[in-house]
Amino acid sequence: MLLALLLVSVGVVPAVSAQDVTGTPTAGSGEPGLVIGDSMDVLVAGATSVSDMRASGITAPEELNIPKGITRYDLVTFDHAALNKQVRGVLPLQIHGKEYQAELHRMDFEQINDGIDSYEGTIAGVDGSDVLLTTGENVLVGSVTLGDETFWITPVESRARAEKEASPLHVIYSSRDIENPEKSVVIDYGTLTPPEGYTSTDVSEDLESSMIGLRDQYATVNLLVVTDNQFYQDQSNWKSVAQDIVAEANRQFGRDDIQVSLCVMAYTDSRRVQLSNQHDILTEPVDAFERVYPNSDLDLWASDIALYVGGYDAAGSVQGATYGYHPYHRRHAWAQMVGEDLGYLGTTHGRRCVSIHELGHLFDTGHQDPDSERPNPSYRRAYQWYQPLSPPLNLKNTVTYSYFNELLSTTEFSSDDYHGDADHDNARRIRETKWTVANYHS
């Protein structure tokens, strides 16, 4: 299994910006690993505990939503007005003291104008680098990857607390600073059987086969994203967190061997209290979700499918669920956003992976092992591959692997054209089902 990673000790520094930080940090130096833009203030660098933040003058640090398994992080704030201007073009970055520039472009997958935007790109001149940032009025969510290290940026204050702040608190942490990285957790045990009384989506039996000629064309699938009252209250801006997930999902579904565009019709919390009050919200979150947002209401939002980003630690060991594509043609998926004691931390990476995993099931993707109850199509399987320079195991899993691991799991679908082979090709299955899913809403 994976080896434990070295931890670096805490240091407290005065507020700095990208223009103020120079040199190469060493363990215990207290210098931030990543500085974004020219207006990021570092309040605490290299924090390892609530005590570190309290000693630096942070009020009630125990209230912050910092994933428990993150062993070291920087507590920062941003001038969001300045950052939102810089992110539209060339964004200066500083990684371990070295200056870089990220070349970004705005993603376009919404039918709404809410002031929240996602930008993707790469670090200029660095092969294999990756940047995905979602910005809003007072929020930044995303990731910056350079080599075998990814930095994650996430807001950590509740809605009530952030409303009192001119610039809400965020943390930045490295993929190298995760506790017990060898620990894996079950995402789900496959698609569920709907309870008695639930009806399937009305789909022509020959629709999938009749669309063979369109498999090489882009299909637009309309998506509704909802949440409950818990996640609404726990996050300073839950819609930004959700959009970060959808942005990454679109990068995977939009790949040239899949060609699906997930078009967000709405991020809605209009029924958050009703959803939270369902008697089975902790035990059967998908049932509760379908009851509060039935297919007829998805049609009102002109949505083919819907994703519920849940703020509760649900009962049992799974982190997501759906009734899937076959044979019921269900339209609802649930993904847990918060951590649990079994090993799921509720990190930005975890949220992306679990959500895309469940969305994939709505297109009939499968896990890594052959489905004994439904052997065909046999290629709807996840894939694991050897990837050098990805310590400590140098292994990676595609997104519908049944287990999630912070270091092994990726957000990509298996494919004969990328990571996979003819027997592990969930991308092919999505190509085959995408037009059926795109015709769900009436």
Protein backbone atom coordinates (compact mmCIF):
# COMPACT_ATOMS: atom_id res chain seq x y z
CA MET A 1 0.00 0.00 0.00
CA LEU A 2 0.96 3.63 -0.13
CA LEU A 3 3.65 4.93 2.18
CA ALA A 4 3.04 7.80 4.57
CA LEU A 5 4.25 11.18 3.35
CA LEU A 6 6.61 13.47 5.21
CA LEU A 7 4.95 16.33 7.01
CA VAL A 8 6.44 19.79 7.10
CA SER A 9 6.23 21.98 10.13
CA VAL A 10 4.29 25.16 10.62
CA GLY A 11 5.46 28.69 10.16
CA VAL A 12 3.54 31.94 10.57
CA VAL A 13 4.24 34.80 8.19
CA PRO A 14 2.80 38.24 7.65
CA ALA A 15 0.40 38.76 4.77
CA VAL A 16 2.19 38.60 1.42
CA SER A 17 1.39 38.67 -2.27
CA ALA A 18 2.95 36.94 -5.25
CA GLN A 19 5.28 39.88 -5.68
CA ASP A 20 6.52 39.60 -2.09
CA VAL A 21 7.53 35.94 -1.97
CA THR A 22 10.95 34.91 -3.28
CA GLY A 23 13.34 32.02 -2.87
CA THR A 24 12.74 28.30 -2.46
CA PRO A 25 10.94 27.27 0.73
CA THR A 26 12.38 24.57 2.94
CA ALA A 27 10.59 22.40 5.46
CA GLY A 28 9.55 24.56 8.36
CA SER A 29 10.23 27.84 6.56
CA GLY A 30 6.57 28.82 6.68
CA GLU A 31 6.59 30.00 3.07
CA PRO A 32 3.49 29.18 0.99
CA GLY A 33 3.84 26.49 -1.66
CA LEU A 34 1.51 28.27 -4.09
CA VAL A 35 0.76 31.96 -4.54
CA ILE A 36 -2.03 32.86 -6.98
CA GLY A 37 -2.11 36.26 -8.65
CA ASP A 38 -0.76 39.51 -7.26
CA SER A 39 -3.33 40.03 -4.52
CA MET A 40 -3.31 36.88 -2.39
CA ASP A 41 -2.68 37.44 1.32
CA VAL A 42 -1.17 34.60 3.34
CA LEU A 43 -2.49 34.74 6.90
CA VAL A 44 -0.91 31.50 8.13
CA ALA A 45 1.62 29.44 6.18
CA GLY A 46 2.22 25.79 6.95
CA ALA A 47 -0.54 25.41 9.53
CA THR A 48 -0.95 21.90 10.91
CA SER A 49 -3.61 22.45 13.57
CA VAL A 50 -6.31 24.71 14.92
CA SER A 51 -3.79 25.88 17.50
CA ASP A 52 -1.52 27.25 14.78
CA MET A 53 -4.34 29.38 13.42
CA ARG A 54 -5.45 30.52 16.84
CA ALA A 55 -1.88 31.55 17.68
CA SER A 56 -1.89 33.68 14.52
CA GLY A 57 -5.00 35.56 15.60
CA ILE A 58 -7.62 33.68 13.57
CA THR A 59 -10.96 33.89 15.36
CA ALA A 60 -12.74 30.60 16.18
CA PRO A 61 -10.58 28.49 13.82
CA GLU A 62 -12.37 25.33 14.96
CA GLU A 63 -15.39 26.51 12.94
CA LEU A 64 -13.54 26.31 9.62
CA ASN A 65 -14.42 23.51 7.19
CA ILE A 66 -10.90 22.20 6.67
CA PRO A 67 -10.80 18.50 5.69
CA LYS A 68 -9.56 16.55 8.69
CA GLY A 69 -7.03 14.54 6.74
CA ILE A 70 -5.06 17.53 5.46
CA THR A 71 -1.85 17.64 7.48
CA ARG A 72 -0.49 20.99 6.31
CA TYR A 73 -2.14 23.98 4.65
CA ASP A 74 -1.89 27.70 4.08
CA LEU A 75 -4.73 29.94 5.22
CA VAL A 76 -5.22 32.76 2.72
CA THR A 77 -7.55 35.48 1.45
CA PHE A 78 -7.87 37.11 -1.97
CA ASP A 79 -8.74 40.46 -3.45
CA HIS A 80 -11.40 38.82 -5.59
CA ALA A 81 -12.08 41.86 -7.76
CA ALA A 82 -8.42 41.97 -8.78
CA LEU A 83 -8.16 38.19 -9.13
CA ASN A 84 -11.27 37.99 -11.32
CA LYS A 85 -9.62 40.39 -13.76
CA GLN A 86 -6.29 38.56 -13.83
CA VAL A 87 -7.81 35.13 -14.31
CA ARG A 88 -9.32 36.16 -17.65
CA GLY A 89 -5.93 36.10 -19.34
CA VAL A 90 -2.44 35.39 -18.08
CA LEU A 91 -2.44 34.66 -14.35
CA PRO A 92 0.87 34.91 -12.43
CA LEU A 93 1.63 31.97 -10.17
CA GLN A 94 4.44 31.24 -7.78
CA ILE A 95 5.11 27.59 -6.95
CA HIS A 96 7.77 26.80 -4.34
CA GLY A 97 9.28 30.21 -4.93
CA LYS A 98 9.51 29.98 -8.72
CA GLU A 99 7.53 32.31 -10.98
CA TYR A 100 5.14 30.91 -13.60
CA GLN A 101 2.28 32.13 -15.74
CA ALA A 102 -1.00 30.30 -16.29
CA GLU A 103 -2.66 30.81 -19.66
CA LEU A 104 -6.40 30.42 -19.11
CA HIS A 105 -9.65 30.61 -21.03
CA ARG A 106 -13.21 30.78 -19.78
CA MET A 107 -15.36 27.66 -19.97
CA ASP A 108 -18.92 27.99 -21.24
CA PHE A 109 -21.35 25.32 -20.07
CA GLU A 110 -24.16 27.26 -18.37
CA GLN A 111 -27.49 28.78 -19.26
CA ILE A 112 -27.23 31.17 -16.31
CA ASN A 113 -25.39 34.37 -15.44
CA ASP A 114 -24.64 34.27 -11.72
CA GLY A 115 -21.20 35.87 -11.60
CA ILE A 116 -19.51 32.50 -11.12
CA ASP A 117 -17.13 31.47 -13.90
CA SER A 118 -14.68 28.63 -14.51
CA TYR A 119 -11.33 28.94 -16.28
CA GLU A 120 -9.05 26.18 -17.52
CA GLY A 121 -5.59 26.11 -19.01
CA THR A 122 -1.97 25.22 -18.46
CA ILE A 123 1.21 26.71 -17.06
CA ALA A 124 3.07 28.31 -19.95
CA GLY A 125 5.99 26.20 -21.13
CA VAL A 126 5.32 23.28 -18.76
CA ASP A 127 4.18 20.04 -20.37
CA GLY A 128 1.61 18.09 -18.38
CA SER A 129 0.65 21.05 -16.21
CA ASP A 130 -3.00 21.83 -15.55
CA VAL A 131 -5.02 24.66 -14.03
CA LEU A 132 -8.76 24.72 -13.30
CA LEU A 133 -10.15 27.65 -11.29
CA THR A 134 -13.71 28.69 -10.51
CA THR A 135 -14.17 32.27 -9.35
CA GLY A 136 -17.01 34.29 -7.92
CA GLU A 137 -17.62 37.50 -6.05
CA ASN A 138 -15.87 36.26 -2.90
CA VAL A 139 -14.76 32.73 -3.70
CA LEU A 140 -12.08 30.71 -5.44
CA VAL A 141 -12.17 26.93 -5.90
CA GLY A 142 -9.84 24.83 -7.98
CA SER A 143 -6.53 23.14 -8.59
CA VAL A 144 -3.06 23.78 -10.00
CA THR A 145 -0.97 20.80 -11.12
CA LEU A 146 2.76 20.92 -11.79
CA GLY A 147 4.62 17.64 -12.21
CA ASP A 148 3.50 15.09 -9.64
CA GLU A 149 2.08 17.70 -7.25
CA THR A 150 -1.37 19.26 -7.24
CA PHE A 151 -2.35 22.24 -5.12
CA TRP A 152 -6.00 22.47 -4.11
CA ILE A 153 -7.78 25.74 -3.32
CA THR A 154 -11.04 25.71 -1.38
CA PRO A 155 -13.13 28.12 0.75
CA VAL A 156 -13.51 27.04 4.37
CA GLU A 157 -16.05 29.35 6.03
CA SER A 158 -19.76 28.81 6.53
CA ARG A 159 -22.30 31.05 4.86
CA ALA A 160 -23.09 32.91 8.09
CA ARG A 161 -19.43 33.51 8.90
CA ALA A 162 -18.42 34.50 5.37
CA GLU A 163 -21.20 37.07 5.16
CA LYS A 164 -19.40 39.02 7.89
CA GLU A 165 -16.07 38.97 6.03
CA ALA A 166 -14.87 41.37 3.37
CA SER A 167 -12.69 38.56 2.04
CA PRO A 168 -13.61 35.03 3.22
CA LEU A 169 -10.94 32.56 4.27
CA HIS A 170 -9.59 29.87 1.94
CA VAL A 171 -7.01 27.12 2.35
CA ILE A 172 -4.42 25.92 -0.14
CA TYR A 173 -2.92 22.48 0.39
CA SER A 174 -0.74 20.08 -1.56
CA SER A 175 -1.49 16.54 -2.67
CA ARG A 176 1.67 15.67 -0.72
CA ASP A 177 0.11 16.78 2.56
CA ILE A 178 -2.70 14.25 2.96
CA GLU A 179 -2.89 11.95 5.98
CA ASN A 180 -2.94 8.18 5.42
CA PRO A 181 -2.78 8.41 1.62
CA GLU A 182 -2.88 4.61 1.40
CA LYS A 183 -6.48 4.58 2.63
CA SER A 184 -9.20 3.87 0.06
CA VAL A 185 -12.96 4.08 0.51
CA VAL A 186 -15.89 2.59 -1.39
CA ILE A 187 -17.70 5.05 -3.66
CA ASP A 188 -20.63 2.74 -4.31
CA TYR A 189 -21.44 -0.93 -4.88
CA GLY A 190 -22.90 -0.35 -8.33
CA THR A 191 -26.21 1.09 -9.41
CA LEU A 192 -29.15 0.46 -7.11
CA THR A 193 -32.52 -1.14 -7.73
CA PRO A 194 -35.27 1.47 -7.37
CA PRO A 195 -37.83 0.95 -4.61
CA GLU A 196 -41.25 -0.34 -5.55
CA GLY A 197 -43.51 2.36 -6.94
CA TYR A 198 -40.88 4.35 -8.83
CA THR A 199 -41.37 4.47 -12.58
CA SER A 200 -38.70 4.36 -15.25
CA THR A 201 -38.01 7.21 -17.63
CA ASP A 202 -40.09 6.76 -20.77
CA VAL A 203 -37.53 5.95 -23.46
CA SER A 204 -38.01 4.14 -26.76
CA GLU A 205 -36.35 0.73 -26.62
CA ASP A 206 -34.60 1.25 -29.95
CA LEU A 207 -33.49 4.85 -29.33
CA GLU A 208 -29.89 3.91 -28.53
CA SER A 209 -29.45 1.79 -31.65
CA SER A 210 -31.19 4.36 -33.84
CA MET A 211 -28.60 6.98 -32.83
CA ILE A 212 -25.53 5.04 -33.98
CA GLY A 213 -24.90 7.53 -36.77
CA LEU A 214 -24.65 10.40 -34.27
CA ARG A 215 -22.06 8.90 -31.94
CA ASP A 216 -19.26 11.00 -33.40
CA GLN A 217 -21.20 14.23 -32.88
CA TYR A 218 -21.49 16.34 -29.73
CA ALA A 219 -24.55 15.67 -27.58
CA THR A 220 -25.73 18.34 -25.15
CA VAL A 221 -27.12 16.88 -21.93
CA ASN A 222 -28.92 19.39 -19.72
CA LEU A 223 -28.04 19.17 -16.03
CA LEU A 224 -29.79 20.42 -12.89
CA VAL A 225 -27.64 20.72 -9.73
CA VAL A 226 -29.28 20.93 -6.29
CA THR A 227 -28.27 20.86 -2.64
CA ASP A 228 -29.74 20.46 0.83
CA ASN A 229 -29.91 22.98 3.66
CA GLN A 230 -26.86 21.54 5.41
CA PHE A 231 -24.46 22.10 2.52
CA TYR A 232 -26.10 25.45 1.76
CA GLN A 233 -25.34 26.66 5.29
CA ASP A 234 -21.92 25.02 5.65
CA GLN A 235 -20.45 26.63 2.52
CA SER A 236 -19.79 30.30 1.90
CA ASN A 237 -20.99 29.76 -1.68
CA TRP A 238 -22.09 26.22 -2.48
CA LYS A 239 -22.76 27.05 -6.13
CA SER A 240 -19.07 27.77 -6.72
CA VAL A 241 -18.15 24.40 -5.25
CA ALA A 242 -20.74 22.73 -7.47
CA GLN A 243 -19.52 24.58 -10.54
CA ASP A 244 -15.96 23.44 -9.92
CA ILE A 245 -17.28 19.88 -10.05
CA VAL A 246 -19.24 20.47 -13.26
CA ALA A 247 -16.27 22.22 -14.86
CA GLU A 248 -14.09 19.16 -14.30
CA ALA A 249 -16.93 16.88 -15.41
CA ASN A 250 -17.19 18.79 -18.67
CA ARG A 251 -13.48 18.42 -19.28
CA GLN A 252 -13.90 14.64 -19.05
CA PHE A 253 -17.25 14.23 -20.82
CA GLY A 254 -16.11 16.69 -23.49
CA ARG A 255 -13.08 14.63 -24.45
CA ASP A 256 -12.77 13.87 -28.18
CA ASP A 257 -13.62 10.19 -27.68
CA ILE A 258 -16.85 11.00 -25.77
CA GLN A 259 -18.15 14.40 -26.95
CA VAL A 260 -20.79 15.23 -24.36
CA SER A 261 -21.47 18.76 -23.14
CA LEU A 262 -23.09 19.01 -19.71
CA CYS A 263 -25.12 22.21 -19.86
CA VAL A 264 -26.13 23.50 -16.44
CA MET A 265 -29.69 24.79 -16.49
CA ALA A 266 -29.62 25.87 -12.84
CA TYR A 267 -27.88 25.51 -9.50
CA THR A 268 -30.89 25.56 -7.23
CA ASP A 269 -31.34 25.51 -3.47
CA SER A 270 -35.02 26.47 -3.66
CA ARG A 271 -36.10 23.19 -2.01
CA ARG A 272 -33.14 22.73 0.29
CA VAL A 273 -35.21 22.70 3.50
CA GLN A 274 -37.76 20.30 2.03
CA LEU A 275 -34.95 17.99 0.92
CA SER A 276 -33.25 18.13 4.31
CA ASN A 277 -36.54 17.29 6.03
CA GLN A 278 -37.05 14.02 4.15
CA HIS A 279 -37.20 11.11 6.58
CA ASP A 280 -34.69 9.06 4.59
CA ILE A 281 -32.21 11.79 3.67
CA LEU A 282 -29.44 9.97 5.59
CA THR A 283 -30.35 6.41 4.64
CA GLU A 284 -31.67 6.68 1.06
CA PRO A 285 -30.56 10.07 -0.28
CA VAL A 286 -31.39 9.21 -3.90
CA ASP A 287 -34.96 8.27 -2.94
CA ALA A 288 -35.30 11.56 -1.07
CA PHE A 289 -33.84 13.46 -4.01
CA GLU A 290 -36.20 11.88 -6.56
CA ARG A 291 -39.18 12.55 -4.32
CA VAL A 292 -38.42 16.26 -3.95
CA TYR A 293 -37.29 16.71 -7.56
CA PRO A 294 -39.37 14.22 -9.60
CA ASN A 295 -38.87 13.73 -13.32
CA SER A 296 -41.76 16.07 -14.07
CA ASP A 297 -39.91 18.87 -12.30
CA LEU A 298 -36.67 18.07 -14.08
CA ASP A 299 -38.68 18.61 -17.25
CA LEU A 300 -39.76 22.04 -15.97
CA TRP A 301 -36.06 22.93 -15.69
CA ALA A 302 -35.52 21.43 -19.18
CA SER A 303 -33.02 19.05 -17.58
CA ASP A 304 -32.18 15.53 -18.69
CA ILE A 305 -30.37 14.53 -15.50
CA ALA A 306 -29.81 15.97 -12.03
CA LEU A 307 -26.99 15.90 -9.48
CA TYR A 308 -27.57 16.33 -5.74
CA VAL A 309 -24.44 17.53 -3.92
CA GLY A 310 -25.17 16.44 -0.38
CA GLY A 311 -24.05 18.05 2.85
CA TYR A 312 -24.73 15.08 5.15
CA ASP A 313 -22.56 12.12 6.06
CA ALA A 314 -25.05 9.49 4.94
CA ALA A 315 -25.47 6.18 6.72
CA GLY A 316 -23.43 3.27 5.44
CA SER A 317 -20.09 3.17 3.69
CA VAL A 318 -20.85 4.66 0.26
CA GLN A 319 -20.15 8.21 -0.92
CA GLY A 320 -22.56 8.33 -3.84
CA ALA A 321 -25.45 6.53 -5.48
CA THR A 322 -27.74 6.34 -8.49
CA TYR A 323 -30.18 3.87 -10.02
CA GLY A 324 -28.32 4.25 -13.26
CA TYR A 325 -29.04 3.83 -16.94
CA HIS A 326 -29.98 0.17 -17.32
CA PRO A 327 -32.73 -0.93 -17.26
CA TYR A 328 -34.53 1.92 -15.52
CA HIS A 329 -33.16 5.01 -17.31
CA ARG A 330 -33.05 6.96 -14.08
CA ARG A 331 -32.07 10.61 -14.08
CA HIS A 332 -30.88 11.33 -10.52
CA ALA A 333 -27.43 11.00 -8.93
CA TRP A 334 -26.24 11.82 -5.40
CA ALA A 335 -22.67 12.61 -4.34
CA GLN A 336 -21.57 13.22 -0.75
CA MET A 337 -19.63 16.44 -0.24
CA VAL A 338 -18.53 15.98 3.37
CA GLY A 339 -15.95 13.68 4.90
CA GLU A 340 -16.53 10.61 7.00
CA ASP A 341 -14.50 8.54 9.42
CA LEU A 342 -13.89 5.69 6.95
CA GLY A 343 -11.38 7.59 4.85
CA TYR A 344 -13.31 9.89 2.55
CA LEU A 345 -12.17 13.43 3.38
CA GLY A 346 -14.62 15.50 1.34
CA THR A 347 -11.76 17.27 -0.43
CA THR A 348 -12.12 19.14 -3.72
CA HIS A 349 -10.58 16.14 -5.49
CA GLY A 350 -12.88 13.71 -3.71
CA ARG A 351 -15.96 15.74 -4.53
CA ARG A 352 -15.02 15.86 -8.20
CA CYS A 353 -14.29 12.14 -8.43
CA VAL A 354 -17.40 10.92 -6.62
CA SER A 355 -19.70 13.26 -8.57
CA ILE A 356 -18.25 12.32 -11.98
CA HIS A 357 -18.35 8.65 -10.97
CA GLU A 358 -22.10 8.87 -10.32
CA LEU A 359 -22.80 10.98 -13.41
CA GLY A 360 -20.97 8.32 -15.39
CA HIS A 361 -23.35 5.64 -14.10
CA LEU A 362 -26.24 7.63 -15.58
CA PHE A 363 -24.60 6.91 -18.96
CA ASP A 364 -24.13 3.20 -18.10
CA THR A 365 -20.45 3.20 -17.16
CA GLY A 366 -19.23 0.30 -15.03
CA HIS A 367 -16.70 -0.51 -12.31
CA GLN A 368 -13.38 -2.33 -12.78
CA ASP A 369 -14.68 -5.90 -12.43
CA PRO A 370 -16.95 -7.63 -14.95
CA ASP A 371 -20.63 -7.38 -14.04
CA SER A 372 -21.69 -10.96 -13.31
CA GLU A 373 -25.38 -10.10 -13.51
CA ARG A 374 -25.00 -8.16 -16.76
CA PRO A 375 -21.93 -9.34 -18.68
CA ASN A 376 -22.67 -7.30 -21.81
CA PRO A 377 -21.46 -4.91 -22.95
CA SER A 378 -18.30 -6.36 -21.43
CA TYR A 379 -16.12 -3.29 -22.09
CA ARG A 380 -17.97 -0.99 -19.67
CA ARG A 381 -15.18 -1.31 -17.11
CA ALA A 382 -12.83 1.02 -15.25
CA TYR A 383 -9.06 0.73 -15.64
CA GLN A 384 -5.91 0.91 -13.53
CA TRP A 385 -2.53 1.73 -15.05
CA TYR A 386 1.09 2.22 -14.11
CA GLN A 387 2.16 5.86 -14.17
CA PRO A 388 5.82 6.65 -13.46
CA LEU A 389 6.64 9.63 -11.25
CA SER A 390 3.38 9.24 -9.31
CA PRO A 391 4.77 8.10 -5.97
CA PRO A 392 4.53 6.13 -3.86
CA LEU A 393 2.75 3.38 -5.86
CA ASN A 394 2.92 4.87 -9.36
CA LEU A 395 -0.62 3.67 -10.06
CA LYS A 396 -3.72 5.52 -11.23
CA ASN A 397 -7.40 4.55 -11.48
CA THR A 398 -10.03 5.86 -13.87
CA VAL A 399 -13.00 7.59 -12.30
CA THR A 400 -15.51 4.73 -12.15
CA TYR A 401 -13.20 2.48 -10.16
CA SER A 402 -15.37 1.40 -7.25
CA TYR A 403 -12.90 2.79 -4.68
CA PHE A 404 -11.73 6.34 -4.15
CA ASN A 405 -8.19 7.16 -3.09
CA GLU A 406 -6.80 10.69 -2.89
CA LEU A 407 -3.63 9.79 -4.80
CA LEU A 408 -4.73 6.94 -7.10
CA SER A 409 -8.11 8.21 -8.29
CA THR A 410 -8.44 10.37 -11.40
CA THR A 411 -11.46 12.03 -12.97
CA GLU A 412 -11.01 10.50 -16.43
CA PHE A 413 -13.05 7.69 -17.98
CA SER A 414 -11.37 4.53 -19.24
CA SER A 415 -10.82 4.48 -22.98
CA ASP A 416 -9.09 2.46 -25.64
CA ASP A 417 -7.76 5.80 -26.92
CA TYR A 418 -6.36 7.02 -23.58
CA HIS A 419 -5.99 4.93 -20.43
CA GLY A 420 -7.71 1.61 -21.04
CA ASP A 421 -8.07 -0.97 -23.78
CA ALA A 422 -10.76 -2.77 -25.75
CA ASP A 423 -11.92 -4.50 -22.57
CA HIS A 424 -11.89 -1.33 -20.44
CA ASP A 425 -13.65 1.41 -22.40
CA ASN A 426 -16.32 3.34 -20.51
CA ALA A 427 -15.84 6.21 -22.96
CA ARG A 428 -17.24 3.98 -25.70
CA ARG A 429 -20.28 3.20 -23.56
CA ILE A 430 -20.97 6.90 -22.97
CA ARG A 431 -20.75 7.52 -26.73
CA GLU A 432 -23.37 4.83 -27.23
CA THR A 433 -25.80 6.10 -24.60
CA LYS A 434 -25.36 9.87 -24.78
CA TRP A 435 -28.16 10.56 -27.25
CA THR A 436 -30.59 8.50 -25.22
CA VAL A 437 -29.75 10.53 -22.11
CA ALA A 438 -29.91 13.77 -24.11
CA ASN A 439 -33.53 12.94 -25.00
CA TYR A 440 -34.77 12.34 -21.45
CA HIS A 441 -36.45 15.69 -20.81
CA SER A 442 -39.75 16.44 -22.50
